[in-house]
Amino acid sequence: MTASTEQTQPSLGAALDAAGGRPAGFDYLRLGLALSVVLVHSFTASVAPSDEARLWAHPLWGSAAMALLPMFFALSGFLVAGSMARTPSVGRFLGLRALRIYPALAVEVLLTALILGPFFTTLPFDAYLSDPGFARYLVNVTGHVTITLPGVFETNPRPFEANAQLWTVPFELYCYIALALLMLCGAARDPRVLFWGAALVFALVLLRIGARTDWRFPDYRAPVAGWMLVVSFLLGVGLYQLRHAVPAGRWAILAAGVATLAIFAWCPGGRILGCLPASYLAVALGTCNPARGWVVAGADYSYGIFLYHFAILQAVIALTGGGLGWPALFVLWLGPTALCAALSWHLVERPILSRKSAILTWRPRWRLRA
């Protein structure tokens, strides 16, 4: 392929290589998606669950909201695929993923349960600690999710929900398990293994949704099903492996954006089919390389925002009596969540990640003697 052809028909791989493998678009998009999820939760947390239908029924805002999580997972799949290419060992691959997820998750769960929970619960302190729901909540550190704490946020529109956003964590773990299984089958060496594996997962997801709904698939304006996030993740992995064959550029991004909104808004089965252009849109935007500003220079606050934002939103609602609209709620959320996300990155996430090689290769010096 000539240089002029590459210039008129850029690919995802060419954009990635031109940025040295680390385009700034990934950093901006992670942060932007995290903030967009908070914006959605600022609305859904401030109204009764029955009123959420107003958001999902809106052709534009509902479609944009439904695209957020598939884009997040597709972007994660694309980036994790690079780790898969650099890490042929399945054990080391899973170890890296565990180091990225569990330490910060464990800290957030403990802080929510031991500091925020006792302050906002309506139960006496002893009753709060002895309630079976408290022990179940602590199991969140393993990825087995319970979103409620006993007596906490009892009068909020979403009562007892301390960490509703954690419902996606098990599906993230399923993504890594699925990719590890595909690695054992040779996906890191042969893109066909990944293609057929992703096709199999997609078919199983359709069968699962169809069987549970008596083959009447949910309304296309309903939120995206969790298992479609796994499909979006695998689509991101596939886009990485085929990156030099997949076109990029402004027109492709525009077309993918229009297709994403249109399919989620008006296409029957849109919450399933919409994940396809949404996954491409996320990866194509991520491979863009604008100037890297201070907000993303040397730090990734997106995971901290994801972990802490819902508990802080609920706390603001409880402290203000629930009288604020979602725009004011979002504004009041910014300061404390930004602080928590920064502390999570600088005190937990970055120290762990900077020592990941030493942690994964550590062996105890002592040995048992006969």
Protein backbone atom coordinates (compact mmCIF):
# COMPACT_ATOMS: atom_id res chain seq x y z
CA MET A 1 0.00 0.00 0.00
CA THR A 2 1.44 3.36 -0.96
CA ALA A 3 1.86 6.30 1.35
CA SER A 4 -0.78 8.28 -0.58
CA THR A 5 -3.29 5.45 -0.20
CA GLU A 6 -2.64 5.25 3.56
CA GLN A 7 -3.17 8.98 3.76
CA THR A 8 -6.56 8.89 2.01
CA GLN A 9 -7.67 5.65 3.68
CA PRO A 10 -6.29 5.69 7.25
CA SER A 11 -6.79 2.67 9.48
CA LEU A 12 -7.15 2.26 13.21
CA GLY A 13 -3.74 0.62 13.27
CA ALA A 14 -2.11 3.47 11.37
CA ALA A 15 -3.58 6.01 13.80
CA LEU A 16 -2.40 3.90 16.73
CA ASP A 17 1.13 3.55 15.35
CA ALA A 18 1.35 7.25 14.51
CA ALA A 19 0.72 8.05 18.19
CA GLY A 20 3.34 5.57 19.41
CA GLY A 21 0.67 3.18 20.65
CA ARG A 22 -0.74 5.65 23.22
CA PRO A 23 -3.10 8.18 21.59
CA ALA A 24 -4.45 10.82 23.92
CA GLY A 25 -7.94 10.00 22.67
CA PHE A 26 -8.06 6.94 24.92
CA ASP A 27 -7.40 9.05 28.00
CA TYR A 28 -9.91 11.75 27.10
CA LEU A 29 -12.56 9.22 26.11
CA ARG A 30 -12.24 7.22 29.35
CA LEU A 31 -12.66 10.40 31.35
CA GLY A 32 -15.48 11.68 29.15
CA LEU A 33 -17.40 8.41 29.33
CA ALA A 34 -16.99 8.28 33.11
CA LEU A 35 -18.35 11.81 33.47
CA SER A 36 -21.21 11.01 31.09
CA VAL A 37 -22.19 7.99 33.19
CA VAL A 38 -22.26 10.25 36.25
CA LEU A 39 -24.46 12.71 34.38
CA VAL A 40 -26.93 9.91 33.65
CA HIS A 41 -26.83 8.73 37.27
CA SER A 42 -27.38 12.31 38.46
CA PHE A 43 -30.80 12.02 36.84
CA THR A 44 -31.63 8.40 37.63
CA ALA A 45 -30.55 8.68 41.28
CA SER A 46 -32.66 11.80 41.86
CA VAL A 47 -35.96 10.36 40.59
CA ALA A 48 -38.00 7.29 41.43
CA PRO A 49 -37.01 4.19 39.44
CA SER A 50 -40.35 4.32 37.60
CA ASP A 51 -39.48 7.78 36.29
CA GLU A 52 -36.28 6.56 34.65
CA ALA A 53 -38.39 5.56 31.65
CA ARG A 54 -38.44 9.25 30.69
CA LEU A 55 -34.72 9.08 29.99
CA TRP A 56 -34.70 5.82 28.07
CA ALA A 57 -37.76 6.80 26.02
CA HIS A 58 -36.15 9.98 24.68
CA PRO A 59 -34.88 9.28 21.13
CA LEU A 60 -31.69 11.34 21.50
CA TRP A 61 -30.75 11.32 25.19
CA GLY A 62 -31.89 7.75 25.71
CA SER A 63 -29.84 6.56 22.74
CA ALA A 64 -26.76 8.45 23.91
CA ALA A 65 -27.16 7.05 27.44
CA MET A 66 -27.51 3.49 26.14
CA ALA A 67 -24.31 3.85 24.09
CA LEU A 68 -22.10 4.79 27.06
CA LEU A 69 -21.48 1.37 28.62
CA PRO A 70 -20.98 -0.51 25.31
CA MET A 71 -18.45 2.17 24.36
CA PHE A 72 -16.71 1.82 27.73
CA PHE A 73 -16.44 -1.95 27.37
CA ALA A 74 -15.36 -1.83 23.73
CA LEU A 75 -12.63 0.66 24.59
CA SER A 76 -11.54 -1.60 27.44
CA GLY A 77 -11.46 -4.58 25.07
CA PHE A 78 -9.29 -2.72 22.57
CA LEU A 79 -6.80 -1.67 25.24
CA VAL A 80 -6.77 -5.05 26.99
CA ALA A 81 -6.11 -6.72 23.64
CA GLY A 82 -2.81 -4.85 23.54
CA SER A 83 -2.00 -6.33 26.93
CA MET A 84 -2.96 -9.76 25.58
CA ALA A 85 -0.52 -9.30 22.68
CA ARG A 86 2.28 -8.33 25.07
CA THR A 87 1.42 -10.98 27.68
CA PRO A 88 1.21 -14.48 26.20
CA SER A 89 0.86 -16.05 29.66
CA VAL A 90 -2.79 -16.43 30.64
CA GLY A 91 -1.91 -16.41 34.34
CA ARG A 92 0.03 -13.17 34.07
CA PHE A 93 -2.72 -11.65 31.94
CA LEU A 94 -5.33 -12.40 34.61
CA GLY A 95 -2.96 -11.18 37.32
CA LEU A 96 -2.60 -7.81 35.59
CA ARG A 97 -6.35 -7.47 35.30
CA ALA A 98 -6.81 -8.34 38.99
CA LEU A 99 -4.28 -5.71 40.04
CA ARG A 100 -6.14 -3.10 38.02
CA ILE A 101 -9.56 -3.89 39.48
CA TYR A 102 -9.42 -5.32 42.98
CA PRO A 103 -7.19 -3.04 45.13
CA ALA A 104 -9.11 0.15 44.37
CA LEU A 105 -12.43 -1.71 44.53
CA ALA A 106 -11.59 -3.14 47.95
CA VAL A 107 -10.65 0.28 49.33
CA GLU A 108 -13.86 1.87 48.03
CA VAL A 109 -16.05 -0.91 49.42
CA LEU A 110 -14.44 -0.70 52.86
CA LEU A 111 -14.68 3.10 52.99
CA THR A 112 -18.33 3.02 51.97
CA ALA A 113 -19.20 0.30 54.48
CA LEU A 114 -17.19 1.59 57.45
CA ILE A 115 -17.35 5.40 57.07
CA LEU A 116 -20.24 6.46 54.84
CA GLY A 117 -22.59 3.66 55.94
CA PRO A 118 -22.51 4.33 59.72
CA PHE A 119 -23.04 8.06 59.09
CA PHE A 120 -26.14 7.66 56.90
CA THR A 121 -27.77 4.49 58.27
CA THR A 122 -30.97 4.76 60.26
CA LEU A 123 -29.98 1.71 62.32
CA PRO A 124 -28.04 1.79 65.59
CA PHE A 125 -24.33 1.21 64.99
CA ASP A 126 -24.33 -2.28 66.55
CA ALA A 127 -27.41 -3.31 64.57
CA TYR A 128 -25.84 -1.95 61.38
CA LEU A 129 -22.65 -3.99 61.85
CA SER A 130 -24.51 -7.16 62.82
CA ASP A 131 -27.03 -6.98 59.97
CA PRO A 132 -26.45 -9.77 57.39
CA GLY A 133 -26.64 -7.13 54.65
CA PHE A 134 -23.44 -5.53 55.99
CA ALA A 135 -21.50 -8.77 55.61
CA ARG A 136 -22.96 -9.35 52.14
CA TYR A 137 -21.87 -5.88 51.13
CA LEU A 138 -18.27 -6.55 52.13
CA VAL A 139 -18.20 -9.47 49.68
CA ASN A 140 -18.16 -6.79 46.95
CA VAL A 141 -14.37 -6.88 47.25
CA THR A 142 -14.47 -10.24 45.43
CA GLY A 143 -16.57 -8.96 42.54
CA HIS A 144 -19.74 -10.68 43.81
CA VAL A 145 -21.89 -7.58 43.92
CA THR A 146 -24.40 -6.37 46.49
CA ILE A 147 -25.37 -2.73 45.96
CA THR A 148 -27.29 -2.06 49.20
CA LEU A 149 -26.30 -1.30 52.77
CA PRO A 150 -28.74 -1.80 55.69
CA GLY A 151 -30.60 1.37 56.60
CA VAL A 152 -28.42 3.58 54.38
CA PHE A 153 -30.08 6.29 52.24
CA GLU A 154 -33.45 4.97 53.39
CA THR A 155 -35.40 8.07 52.31
CA ASN A 156 -33.63 8.63 48.97
CA PRO A 157 -35.47 7.99 45.69
CA ARG A 158 -33.17 4.96 45.33
CA PRO A 159 -33.32 3.70 48.94
CA PHE A 160 -30.50 1.61 50.42
CA GLU A 161 -28.45 1.73 47.18
CA ALA A 162 -24.88 2.65 48.06
CA ASN A 163 -23.10 1.49 44.92
CA ALA A 164 -25.60 0.77 42.15
CA GLN A 165 -22.92 1.22 39.48
CA LEU A 166 -21.09 -1.92 40.62
CA TRP A 167 -23.57 -4.10 38.73
CA THR A 168 -21.18 -3.96 35.76
CA VAL A 169 -18.22 -5.42 37.70
CA PRO A 170 -19.24 -9.11 37.29
CA PHE A 171 -19.61 -8.57 33.54
CA GLU A 172 -16.14 -7.04 33.42
CA LEU A 173 -14.82 -10.16 35.13
CA TYR A 174 -16.72 -12.32 32.61
CA CYS A 175 -14.97 -10.37 29.85
CA TYR A 176 -11.55 -11.24 31.21
CA ILE A 177 -12.49 -14.87 31.79
CA ALA A 178 -13.87 -15.16 28.24
CA LEU A 179 -10.74 -13.60 26.78
CA ALA A 180 -8.50 -15.86 28.88
CA LEU A 181 -10.38 -18.92 27.57
CA LEU A 182 -9.98 -17.65 24.01
CA MET A 183 -6.26 -17.11 24.67
CA LEU A 184 -5.99 -20.75 25.70
CA CYS A 185 -7.60 -21.60 22.35
CA GLY A 186 -5.07 -19.50 20.45
CA ALA A 187 -6.83 -16.14 20.07
CA ALA A 188 -3.60 -14.21 20.63
CA ARG A 189 -2.08 -15.85 17.54
CA ASP A 190 -5.08 -16.41 15.27
CA PRO A 191 -7.78 -13.72 14.83
CA ARG A 192 -10.17 -16.37 13.53
CA VAL A 193 -10.35 -17.93 17.00
CA LEU A 194 -11.46 -14.61 18.44
CA PHE A 195 -13.95 -14.01 15.61
CA TRP A 196 -15.69 -17.35 16.06
CA GLY A 197 -15.47 -17.08 19.83
CA ALA A 198 -17.13 -13.65 19.77
CA ALA A 199 -19.75 -14.94 17.34
CA LEU A 200 -20.49 -17.83 19.71
CA VAL A 201 -20.84 -15.46 22.69
CA PHE A 202 -23.12 -13.21 20.63
CA ALA A 203 -25.32 -16.19 19.70
CA LEU A 204 -25.47 -17.39 23.31
CA VAL A 205 -26.45 -13.90 24.47
CA LEU A 206 -29.31 -13.79 21.96
CA LEU A 207 -30.45 -17.25 23.04
CA ARG A 208 -30.29 -16.26 26.71
CA ILE A 209 -32.30 -13.04 26.22
CA GLY A 210 -34.77 -14.77 23.92
CA ALA A 211 -35.34 -17.71 26.26
CA ARG A 212 -35.88 -15.45 29.29
CA THR A 213 -38.38 -13.22 27.44
CA ASP A 214 -40.30 -15.98 25.65
CA TRP A 215 -38.60 -14.80 22.43
CA ARG A 216 -40.12 -11.35 22.75
CA PHE A 217 -36.96 -9.30 22.94
CA PRO A 218 -37.08 -6.30 25.29
CA ASP A 219 -38.16 -2.93 24.00
CA TYR A 220 -35.42 -1.26 22.01
CA ARG A 221 -35.53 1.72 24.37
CA ALA A 222 -34.70 -0.38 27.43
CA PRO A 223 -31.19 -0.11 28.94
CA VAL A 224 -28.51 -2.33 27.43
CA ALA A 225 -28.39 -5.90 28.73
CA GLY A 226 -25.32 -6.81 30.77
CA TRP A 227 -24.23 -9.64 28.50
CA MET A 228 -24.10 -7.27 25.54
CA LEU A 229 -21.29 -5.53 27.38
CA VAL A 230 -19.28 -8.73 27.09
CA VAL A 231 -20.00 -8.76 23.36
CA SER A 232 -18.91 -5.11 23.13
CA PHE A 233 -15.69 -5.98 24.94
CA LEU A 234 -14.94 -8.80 22.49
CA LEU A 235 -15.74 -6.47 19.59
CA GLY A 236 -13.11 -4.11 20.95
CA VAL A 237 -10.60 -6.97 21.13
CA GLY A 238 -11.47 -7.93 17.56
CA LEU A 239 -11.00 -4.36 16.36
CA TYR A 240 -7.51 -4.40 17.86
CA GLN A 241 -6.55 -7.58 16.08
CA LEU A 242 -7.95 -6.27 12.78
CA ARG A 243 -6.83 -2.70 13.38
CA HIS A 244 -4.74 -2.42 10.21
CA ALA A 245 -7.71 -3.48 8.07
CA VAL A 246 -10.40 -1.34 9.73
CA PRO A 247 -10.74 2.20 8.33
CA ALA A 248 -10.66 5.29 10.51
CA GLY A 249 -11.06 9.00 9.94
CA ARG A 250 -13.57 11.75 10.64
CA TRP A 251 -16.21 10.56 8.19
CA ALA A 252 -16.11 7.03 9.57
CA ILE A 253 -16.48 8.39 13.11
CA LEU A 254 -19.41 10.60 12.05
CA ALA A 255 -21.14 7.71 10.31
CA ALA A 256 -20.66 5.45 13.34
CA GLY A 257 -22.06 8.14 15.66
CA VAL A 258 -25.17 8.64 13.54
CA ALA A 259 -25.67 4.87 13.20
CA THR A 260 -25.30 4.36 16.97
CA LEU A 261 -27.93 6.94 17.86
CA ALA A 262 -30.31 5.87 15.10
CA ILE A 263 -30.14 2.15 15.91
CA PHE A 264 -30.55 2.61 19.64
CA ALA A 265 -33.44 5.06 19.07
CA TRP A 266 -35.52 3.45 16.35
CA CYS A 267 -34.31 -0.02 15.36
CA PRO A 268 -36.15 -3.05 16.81
CA GLY A 269 -33.61 -4.91 18.90
CA GLY A 270 -31.60 -1.72 18.95
CA ARG A 271 -30.12 -2.27 22.39
CA ILE A 272 -28.41 -5.36 20.91
CA LEU A 273 -27.52 -4.18 17.41
CA GLY A 274 -26.52 -0.71 18.59
CA CYS A 275 -23.51 -2.16 20.37
CA LEU A 276 -21.87 -2.83 16.99
CA PRO A 277 -21.44 0.78 15.76
CA ALA A 278 -20.99 1.99 19.36
CA SER A 279 -17.97 -0.29 19.76
CA TYR A 280 -16.37 1.01 16.59
CA LEU A 281 -17.18 4.61 17.57
CA ALA A 282 -15.38 4.22 20.91
CA VAL A 283 -12.25 2.71 19.37
CA ALA A 284 -12.11 5.21 16.49
CA LEU A 285 -12.44 8.15 18.87
CA GLY A 286 -9.82 6.61 21.14
CA THR A 287 -7.24 6.40 18.36
CA CYS A 288 -7.48 10.15 17.78
CA ASN A 289 -4.50 12.00 19.22
CA PRO A 290 -5.25 15.56 20.35
CA ALA A 291 -2.81 17.43 22.55
CA ARG A 292 -2.64 15.80 25.97
CA GLY A 293 -3.71 18.37 28.58
CA TRP A 294 -2.94 18.37 32.29
CA VAL A 295 -6.19 16.64 33.18
CA VAL A 296 -5.04 13.38 31.56
CA ALA A 297 -1.28 13.83 31.82
CA GLY A 298 0.15 10.94 33.83
CA ALA A 299 -3.12 10.04 35.55
CA ASP A 300 -6.30 8.06 34.90
CA TYR A 301 -9.10 9.20 37.17
CA SER A 302 -11.88 7.39 35.27
CA TYR A 303 -11.88 4.26 37.46
CA GLY A 304 -11.96 6.31 40.65
CA ILE A 305 -14.88 8.32 39.28
CA PHE A 306 -16.68 5.09 38.45
CA LEU A 307 -16.08 3.64 41.92
CA TYR A 308 -17.01 6.62 44.09
CA HIS A 309 -19.55 8.64 42.16
CA PHE A 310 -22.78 6.86 43.04
CA ALA A 311 -22.20 6.80 46.79
CA ILE A 312 -21.35 10.51 46.71
CA LEU A 313 -24.44 11.29 44.61
CA GLN A 314 -26.59 9.43 47.14
CA ALA A 315 -24.89 11.26 50.02
CA VAL A 316 -25.56 14.66 48.40
CA ILE A 317 -29.21 13.72 47.86
CA ALA A 318 -29.55 12.61 51.49
CA LEU A 319 -27.88 15.75 52.87
CA THR A 320 -29.97 18.13 50.75
CA GLY A 321 -33.26 16.33 51.33
CA GLY A 322 -33.62 15.32 47.69
CA GLY A 323 -34.84 18.76 46.65
CA LEU A 324 -32.14 19.40 44.03
CA GLY A 325 -32.55 18.83 40.33
CA TRP A 326 -30.03 16.70 38.51
CA PRO A 327 -27.96 19.64 37.10
CA ALA A 328 -27.31 21.01 40.60
CA LEU A 329 -26.65 17.50 41.84
CA PHE A 330 -24.02 16.99 39.16
CA VAL A 331 -22.31 20.28 40.04
CA LEU A 332 -22.23 19.48 43.78
CA TRP A 333 -20.88 16.02 42.97
CA LEU A 334 -17.82 17.30 41.09
CA GLY A 335 -15.61 18.42 43.96
CA PRO A 336 -15.79 15.49 46.38
CA THR A 337 -15.74 12.86 43.62
CA ALA A 338 -12.77 14.45 41.87
CA LEU A 339 -10.95 14.43 45.21
CA CYS A 340 -11.78 10.76 45.87
CA ALA A 341 -10.78 9.78 42.32
CA ALA A 342 -7.46 11.61 42.64
CA LEU A 343 -6.71 10.01 46.01
CA SER A 344 -7.62 6.59 44.62
CA TRP A 345 -5.24 7.04 41.70
CA HIS A 346 -2.30 8.50 43.59
CA LEU A 347 -2.57 6.42 46.79
CA VAL A 348 -3.90 3.08 45.53
CA GLU A 349 -4.02 2.53 41.78
CA ARG A 350 -0.74 4.05 40.60
CA PRO A 351 1.40 2.61 43.43
CA ILE A 352 0.02 -0.87 42.67
CA LEU A 353 0.42 -0.55 38.91
CA SER A 354 3.95 0.83 39.21
CA ARG A 355 4.94 -2.34 41.09
CA LYS A 356 2.93 -4.81 39.03
CA SER A 357 5.96 -6.66 37.66
CA ALA A 358 7.44 -7.10 41.12
CA ILE A 359 4.09 -8.18 42.58
CA LEU A 360 3.43 -10.77 39.87
CA THR A 361 6.93 -12.24 40.08
CA TRP A 362 7.15 -12.24 43.89
CA ARG A 363 7.98 -15.51 45.56
CA PRO A 364 8.20 -16.10 49.33
CA ARG A 365 11.78 -16.47 50.56
CA TRP A 366 10.90 -18.92 53.28
CA ARG A 367 10.38 -22.60 52.62
CA LEU A 368 8.69 -25.26 54.67
CA ARG A 369 11.13 -27.71 56.17
CA ALA A 370 10.36 -31.37 56.59
